[in-house]
Amino acid sequence: MSIKVSNYERFLAEYSNREAAIALLKQYRPYLEMLPSLRRPEKSIITIPLPLIRILAPKSIVENGFSTTPPPKTIALPCDLAILMCDPEWQIKLGAEILIFIHRPDEDFSDLLMRWRNSQISLNQNYEWLMPLHEEHIFSEIAEKVCPLFIIFEQTPPHIRRGLEGAYLPYLLQQPSIEVLQEVSETMLE
């Protein structure tokens, strides 16, 4: 049985919300402990669905005796959601960044793992996040640490779970909520 597009879309939309992202982190304690403030967790994270980063060019390139600075390049990360830590008082991005990878319909283990590897390559450069409009004022420098978290489902093939375990990559098994199951059954009745 394969992953349904509705499951993927539902979880992507759900985890884009700060409260739901915090609930997700509560399921994996090592990442929950990265929050700068457990008293004000909703002000301690920024969620960016389908995130973009701007690759900043090196200082300057000397070519034919002329010094030029190439323009920054904007790219989409192949993860589904970025969770950035933020100081609730100073409104600056801090420390670790968590990248969420939701198992997509018809995605095999190598594809899922390659999305993480490509994210690592992109974030191994001088970059800055393209922040959501309401968070543009937050200074976003390079992370101290980039951490992955994989979301899989009951329908995810067992070899993907074994692969994640073998690669020592953290994952959470999620089940569709009652609302998703009701939506699917209503769609089938139409």
C-alpha atoms as a PDB file:
ATOM      1  CA  MET A   1       0.000   0.000   0.000  1.00  0.00           C
ATOM      2  CA  SER A   2       1.467   3.351  -0.967  1.00  0.00           C
ATOM      3  CA  ILE A   3       1.322   6.753   0.682  1.00  0.00           C
ATOM      4  CA  LYS A   4      -1.705   8.773  -0.345  1.00  0.00           C
ATOM      5  CA  VAL A   5      -1.143  12.296  -1.640  1.00  0.00           C
ATOM      6  CA  SER A   6      -3.794  13.495   0.815  1.00  0.00           C
ATOM      7  CA  ASN A   7      -1.725  12.160   3.761  1.00  0.00           C
ATOM      8  CA  TYR A   8       1.393  13.942   2.567  1.00  0.00           C
ATOM      9  CA  GLU A   9      -0.428  17.224   1.891  1.00  0.00           C
ATOM     10  CA  ARG A  10      -2.303  17.042   5.185  1.00  0.00           C
ATOM     11  CA  PHE A  11       0.861  16.575   7.250  1.00  0.00           C
ATOM     12  CA  LEU A  12       2.747  19.266   5.327  1.00  0.00           C
ATOM     13  CA  ALA A  13      -0.065  21.747   5.977  1.00  0.00           C
ATOM     14  CA  GLU A  14      -0.429  20.675   9.606  1.00  0.00           C
ATOM     15  CA  TYR A  15       3.259  20.944  10.528  1.00  0.00           C
ATOM     16  CA  SER A  16       3.528  24.374   8.895  1.00  0.00           C
ATOM     17  CA  ASN A  17       1.646  25.627  11.949  1.00  0.00           C
ATOM     18  CA  ARG A  18       3.914  26.443  14.922  1.00  0.00           C
ATOM     19  CA  GLU A  19       1.770  24.653  17.495  1.00  0.00           C
ATOM     20  CA  ALA A  20       1.685  21.481  15.412  1.00  0.00           C
ATOM     21  CA  ALA A  21       5.449  21.716  14.790  1.00  0.00           C
ATOM     22  CA  ILE A  22       6.008  21.962  18.551  1.00  0.00           C
ATOM     23  CA  ALA A  23       3.726  18.936  19.067  1.00  0.00           C
ATOM     24  CA  LEU A  24       5.846  17.103  16.484  1.00  0.00           C
ATOM     25  CA  LEU A  25       9.067  17.990  18.337  1.00  0.00           C
ATOM     26  CA  LYS A  26       7.509  16.732  21.581  1.00  0.00           C
ATOM     27  CA  GLN A  27       7.486  13.294  19.969  1.00  0.00           C
ATOM     28  CA  TYR A  28      11.279  13.424  19.585  1.00  0.00           C
ATOM     29  CA  ARG A  29      12.720  14.728  22.851  1.00  0.00           C
ATOM     30  CA  PRO A  30      16.306  15.491  21.693  1.00  0.00           C
ATOM     31  CA  TYR A  31      14.921  18.087  19.276  1.00  0.00           C
ATOM     32  CA  LEU A  32      12.384  19.440  21.752  1.00  0.00           C
ATOM     33  CA  GLU A  33      15.281  20.163  24.105  1.00  0.00           C
ATOM     34  CA  MET A  34      16.821  22.426  21.440  1.00  0.00           C
ATOM     35  CA  LEU A  35      14.024  24.979  21.897  1.00  0.00           C
ATOM     36  CA  PRO A  36      15.452  28.188  23.376  1.00  0.00           C
ATOM     37  CA  SER A  37      12.429  28.637  25.659  1.00  0.00           C
ATOM     38  CA  LEU A  38      10.089  25.892  26.812  1.00  0.00           C
ATOM     39  CA  ARG A  39       7.992  28.514  28.606  1.00  0.00           C
ATOM     40  CA  ARG A  40       7.294  30.288  25.284  1.00  0.00           C
ATOM     41  CA  PRO A  41       7.794  27.599  22.640  1.00  0.00           C
ATOM     42  CA  GLU A  42       5.556  29.312  20.040  1.00  0.00           C
ATOM     43  CA  LYS A  43       7.915  32.319  20.072  1.00  0.00           C
ATOM     44  CA  SER A  44      11.001  30.067  20.004  1.00  0.00           C
ATOM     45  CA  ILE A  45      10.585  28.597  16.529  1.00  0.00           C
ATOM     46  CA  ILE A  46       9.987  29.702  12.978  1.00  0.00           C
ATOM     47  CA  THR A  47       8.425  27.210  10.588  1.00  0.00           C
ATOM     48  CA  ILE A  48       9.120  27.514   6.869  1.00  0.00           C
ATOM     49  CA  PRO A  49       7.226  25.101   4.601  1.00  0.00           C
ATOM     50  CA  LEU A  50       9.033  24.207   1.361  1.00  0.00           C
ATOM     51  CA  PRO A  51      11.932  26.469   2.393  1.00  0.00           C
ATOM     52  CA  LEU A  52      14.173  28.620   0.215  1.00  0.00           C
ATOM     53  CA  ILE A  53      17.717  29.708   0.958  1.00  0.00           C
ATOM     54  CA  ARG A  54      19.908  32.332  -0.644  1.00  0.00           C
ATOM     55  CA  ILE A  55      23.431  31.103  -1.377  1.00  0.00           C
ATOM     56  CA  LEU A  56      25.719  34.011  -0.727  1.00  0.00           C
ATOM     57  CA  ALA A  57      28.621  34.442  -3.108  1.00  0.00           C
ATOM     58  CA  PRO A  58      32.207  34.540  -1.906  1.00  0.00           C
ATOM     59  CA  LYS A  59      33.594  38.001  -1.145  1.00  0.00           C
ATOM     60  CA  SER A  60      34.845  38.684  -4.668  1.00  0.00           C
ATOM     61  CA  ILE A  61      36.302  36.980  -7.683  1.00  0.00           C
ATOM     62  CA  VAL A  62      39.253  38.483  -9.539  1.00  0.00           C
ATOM     63  CA  GLU A  63      39.056  37.848 -13.262  1.00  0.00           C
ATOM     64  CA  ASN A  64      41.172  39.608 -15.890  1.00  0.00           C
ATOM     65  CA  GLY A  65      42.290  42.117 -13.290  1.00  0.00           C
ATOM     66  CA  PHE A  66      38.712  43.052 -12.346  1.00  0.00           C
ATOM     67  CA  SER A  67      37.119  42.218  -9.025  1.00  0.00           C
ATOM     68  CA  THR A  68      33.477  41.126  -9.237  1.00  0.00           C
ATOM     69  CA  THR A  69      30.991  39.722  -6.789  1.00  0.00           C
ATOM     70  CA  PRO A  70      28.513  37.277  -8.316  1.00  0.00           C
ATOM     71  CA  PRO A  71      24.873  37.797  -7.314  1.00  0.00           C
ATOM     72  CA  PRO A  72      23.404  35.521  -4.648  1.00  0.00           C
ATOM     73  CA  LYS A  73      21.570  32.450  -5.902  1.00  0.00           C
ATOM     74  CA  THR A  74      18.206  31.375  -4.433  1.00  0.00           C
ATOM     75  CA  ILE A  75      17.425  27.665  -4.261  1.00  0.00           C
ATOM     76  CA  ALA A  76      14.635  25.497  -2.880  1.00  0.00           C
ATOM     77  CA  LEU A  77      15.773  22.971  -0.317  1.00  0.00           C
ATOM     78  CA  PRO A  78      14.471  19.466  -1.001  1.00  0.00           C
ATOM     79  CA  CYS A  79      13.025  19.158   2.510  1.00  0.00           C
ATOM     80  CA  ASP A  80       9.361  19.707   3.327  1.00  0.00           C
ATOM     81  CA  LEU A  81       9.699  21.979   6.329  1.00  0.00           C
ATOM     82  CA  ALA A  82      12.449  23.882   8.120  1.00  0.00           C
ATOM     83  CA  ILE A  83      12.128  24.594  11.827  1.00  0.00           C
ATOM     84  CA  LEU A  84      14.465  27.368  12.921  1.00  0.00           C
ATOM     85  CA  MET A  85      15.209  28.157  16.548  1.00  0.00           C
ATOM     86  CA  CYS A  86      14.632  31.762  17.561  1.00  0.00           C
ATOM     87  CA  ASP A  87      15.363  33.745  20.724  1.00  0.00           C
ATOM     88  CA  PRO A  88      11.916  34.901  21.930  1.00  0.00           C
ATOM     89  CA  GLU A  89      13.326  38.119  23.439  1.00  0.00           C
ATOM     90  CA  TRP A  90      15.899  39.273  20.899  1.00  0.00           C
ATOM     91  CA  GLN A  91      14.140  37.853  17.818  1.00  0.00           C
ATOM     92  CA  ILE A  92      17.305  36.417  16.286  1.00  0.00           C
ATOM     93  CA  LYS A  93      17.808  32.959  14.848  1.00  0.00           C
ATOM     94  CA  LEU A  94      19.835  30.678  17.076  1.00  0.00           C
ATOM     95  CA  GLY A  95      21.848  27.472  16.919  1.00  0.00           C
ATOM     96  CA  ALA A  96      20.256  24.439  15.395  1.00  0.00           C
ATOM     97  CA  GLU A  97      17.971  24.041  12.410  1.00  0.00           C
ATOM     98  CA  ILE A  98      15.689  21.046  12.008  1.00  0.00           C
ATOM     99  CA  LEU A  99      14.757  19.852   8.537  1.00  0.00           C
ATOM    100  CA  ILE A 100      11.601  17.754   8.251  1.00  0.00           C
ATOM    101  CA  PHE A 101      11.319  15.191   5.464  1.00  0.00           C
ATOM    102  CA  ILE A 102       7.818  13.778   5.007  1.00  0.00           C
ATOM    103  CA  HIS A 103       7.722  10.515   3.078  1.00  0.00           C
ATOM    104  CA  ARG A 104       6.159  11.393  -0.262  1.00  0.00           C
ATOM    105  CA  PRO A 105       3.904   9.203  -2.410  1.00  0.00           C
ATOM    106  CA  ASP A 106       5.923   6.739  -4.537  1.00  0.00           C
ATOM    107  CA  GLU A 107       9.215   7.841  -2.927  1.00  0.00           C
ATOM    108  CA  ASP A 108      11.742   5.070  -2.302  1.00  0.00           C
ATOM    109  CA  PHE A 109      14.471   5.017   0.352  1.00  0.00           C
ATOM    110  CA  SER A 110      17.224   6.286  -1.954  1.00  0.00           C
ATOM    111  CA  ASP A 111      15.047   9.240  -3.033  1.00  0.00           C
ATOM    112  CA  LEU A 112      14.201  10.131   0.574  1.00  0.00           C
ATOM    113  CA  LEU A 113      17.832   9.848   1.651  1.00  0.00           C
ATOM    114  CA  MET A 114      19.021  11.843  -1.371  1.00  0.00           C
ATOM    115  CA  ARG A 115      16.745  14.723  -0.373  1.00  0.00           C
ATOM    116  CA  TRP A 116      18.579  14.850   2.975  1.00  0.00           C
ATOM    117  CA  ARG A 117      21.997  14.583   1.289  1.00  0.00           C
ATOM    118  CA  ASN A 118      21.172  17.373  -1.175  1.00  0.00           C
ATOM    119  CA  SER A 119      20.022  19.547   1.726  1.00  0.00           C
ATOM    120  CA  GLN A 120      23.337  18.903   3.478  1.00  0.00           C
ATOM    121  CA  ILE A 121      25.242  19.955   0.344  1.00  0.00           C
ATOM    122  CA  SER A 122      23.200  23.152  -0.021  1.00  0.00           C
ATOM    123  CA  LEU A 123      23.592  24.079   3.645  1.00  0.00           C
ATOM    124  CA  ASN A 124      27.342  23.471   3.558  1.00  0.00           C
ATOM    125  CA  GLN A 125      27.784  26.876   1.922  1.00  0.00           C
ATOM    126  CA  ASN A 126      27.429  30.455   3.063  1.00  0.00           C
ATOM    127  CA  TYR A 127      23.639  30.954   3.034  1.00  0.00           C
ATOM    128  CA  GLU A 128      20.722  32.773   4.575  1.00  0.00           C
ATOM    129  CA  TRP A 129      17.088  31.788   4.868  1.00  0.00           C
ATOM    130  CA  LEU A 130      14.369  33.515   2.918  1.00  0.00           C
ATOM    131  CA  MET A 131      12.127  34.143   5.884  1.00  0.00           C
ATOM    132  CA  PRO A 132       8.320  34.261   5.880  1.00  0.00           C
ATOM    133  CA  LEU A 133       6.960  37.793   5.448  1.00  0.00           C
ATOM    134  CA  HIS A 134       6.056  38.211   9.118  1.00  0.00           C
ATOM    135  CA  GLU A 135       9.564  37.046  10.150  1.00  0.00           C
ATOM    136  CA  GLU A 136      11.679  38.999   7.633  1.00  0.00           C
ATOM    137  CA  HIS A 137      13.092  41.201  10.393  1.00  0.00           C
ATOM    138  CA  ILE A 138      14.842  38.223  12.027  1.00  0.00           C
ATOM    139  CA  PHE A 139      18.552  37.973  11.371  1.00  0.00           C
ATOM    140  CA  SER A 140      19.303  34.504   9.970  1.00  0.00           C
ATOM    141  CA  GLU A 141      22.890  33.384   9.907  1.00  0.00           C
ATOM    142  CA  ILE A 142      24.334  29.943   9.235  1.00  0.00           C
ATOM    143  CA  ALA A 143      23.341  27.192  11.652  1.00  0.00           C
ATOM    144  CA  GLU A 144      25.593  25.659  14.239  1.00  0.00           C
ATOM    145  CA  LYS A 145      23.957  22.314  13.512  1.00  0.00           C
ATOM    146  CA  VAL A 146      21.493  20.978  10.925  1.00  0.00           C
ATOM    147  CA  CYS A 147      19.349  18.065  12.102  1.00  0.00           C
ATOM    148  CA  PRO A 148      17.007  15.890  10.023  1.00  0.00           C
ATOM    149  CA  LEU A 149      13.719  14.359  11.130  1.00  0.00           C
ATOM    150  CA  PHE A 150      11.877  11.941   8.852  1.00  0.00           C
ATOM    151  CA  ILE A 151       8.114  11.451   8.969  1.00  0.00           C
ATOM    152  CA  ILE A 152       6.894   8.066   7.796  1.00  0.00           C
ATOM    153  CA  PHE A 153       3.491   6.394   7.790  1.00  0.00           C
ATOM    154  CA  GLU A 154       2.054   2.951   8.386  1.00  0.00           C
ATOM    155  CA  GLN A 155       1.875   2.566   4.593  1.00  0.00           C
ATOM    156  CA  THR A 156       5.588   3.361   4.243  1.00  0.00           C
ATOM    157  CA  PRO A 157       7.374   0.211   3.021  1.00  0.00           C
ATOM    158  CA  PRO A 158       9.297  -1.583   5.819  1.00  0.00           C
ATOM    159  CA  HIS A 159      12.621  -1.314   3.974  1.00  0.00           C
ATOM    160  CA  ILE A 160      12.474   2.495   4.305  1.00  0.00           C
ATOM    161  CA  ARG A 161      12.138   2.232   8.075  1.00  0.00           C
ATOM    162  CA  ARG A 162      15.032  -0.281   8.171  1.00  0.00           C
ATOM    163  CA  GLY A 163      17.107   2.039   5.989  1.00  0.00           C
ATOM    164  CA  LEU A 164      16.523   5.016   8.276  1.00  0.00           C
ATOM    165  CA  GLU A 165      17.407   2.878  11.301  1.00  0.00           C
ATOM    166  CA  GLY A 166      20.526   1.564   9.544  1.00  0.00           C
ATOM    167  CA  ALA A 167      21.636   5.111   8.682  1.00  0.00           C
ATOM    168  CA  TYR A 168      20.912   6.218  12.292  1.00  0.00           C
ATOM    169  CA  LEU A 169      18.510   8.880  11.074  1.00  0.00           C
ATOM    170  CA  PRO A 170      15.653   9.869  13.409  1.00  0.00           C
ATOM    171  CA  TYR A 171      12.121   9.218  12.241  1.00  0.00           C
ATOM    172  CA  LEU A 172       8.606   9.359  13.600  1.00  0.00           C
ATOM    173  CA  LEU A 173       5.784   7.071  12.562  1.00  0.00           C
ATOM    174  CA  GLN A 174       2.644   9.160  12.037  1.00  0.00           C
ATOM    175  CA  GLN A 175      -0.883   7.944  11.570  1.00  0.00           C
ATOM    176  CA  PRO A 176      -3.586   9.805   9.702  1.00  0.00           C
ATOM    177  CA  SER A 177      -5.898  11.622  12.098  1.00  0.00           C
ATOM    178  CA  ILE A 178      -9.607  10.864  12.336  1.00  0.00           C
ATOM    179  CA  GLU A 179     -10.245  13.981  10.193  1.00  0.00           C
ATOM    180  CA  VAL A 180      -8.053  12.638   7.368  1.00  0.00           C
ATOM    181  CA  LEU A 181      -9.772   9.259   7.514  1.00  0.00           C
ATOM    182  CA  GLN A 182     -13.182  10.994   7.388  1.00  0.00           C
ATOM    183  CA  GLU A 183     -12.087  13.086   4.376  1.00  0.00           C
ATOM    184  CA  VAL A 184     -10.919   9.937   2.560  1.00  0.00           C
ATOM    185  CA  SER A 185     -14.161   8.061   3.306  1.00  0.00           C
ATOM    186  CA  GLU A 186     -16.276  11.073   2.180  1.00  0.00           C
ATOM    187  CA  THR A 187     -14.274  11.261  -1.060  1.00  0.00           C
ATOM    188  CA  MET A 188     -14.850   7.539  -1.669  1.00  0.00           C
ATOM    189  CA  LEU A 189     -18.622   7.973  -1.197  1.00  0.00           C
ATOM    190  CA  GLU A 190     -18.852  10.728  -3.825  1.00  0.00           C
END
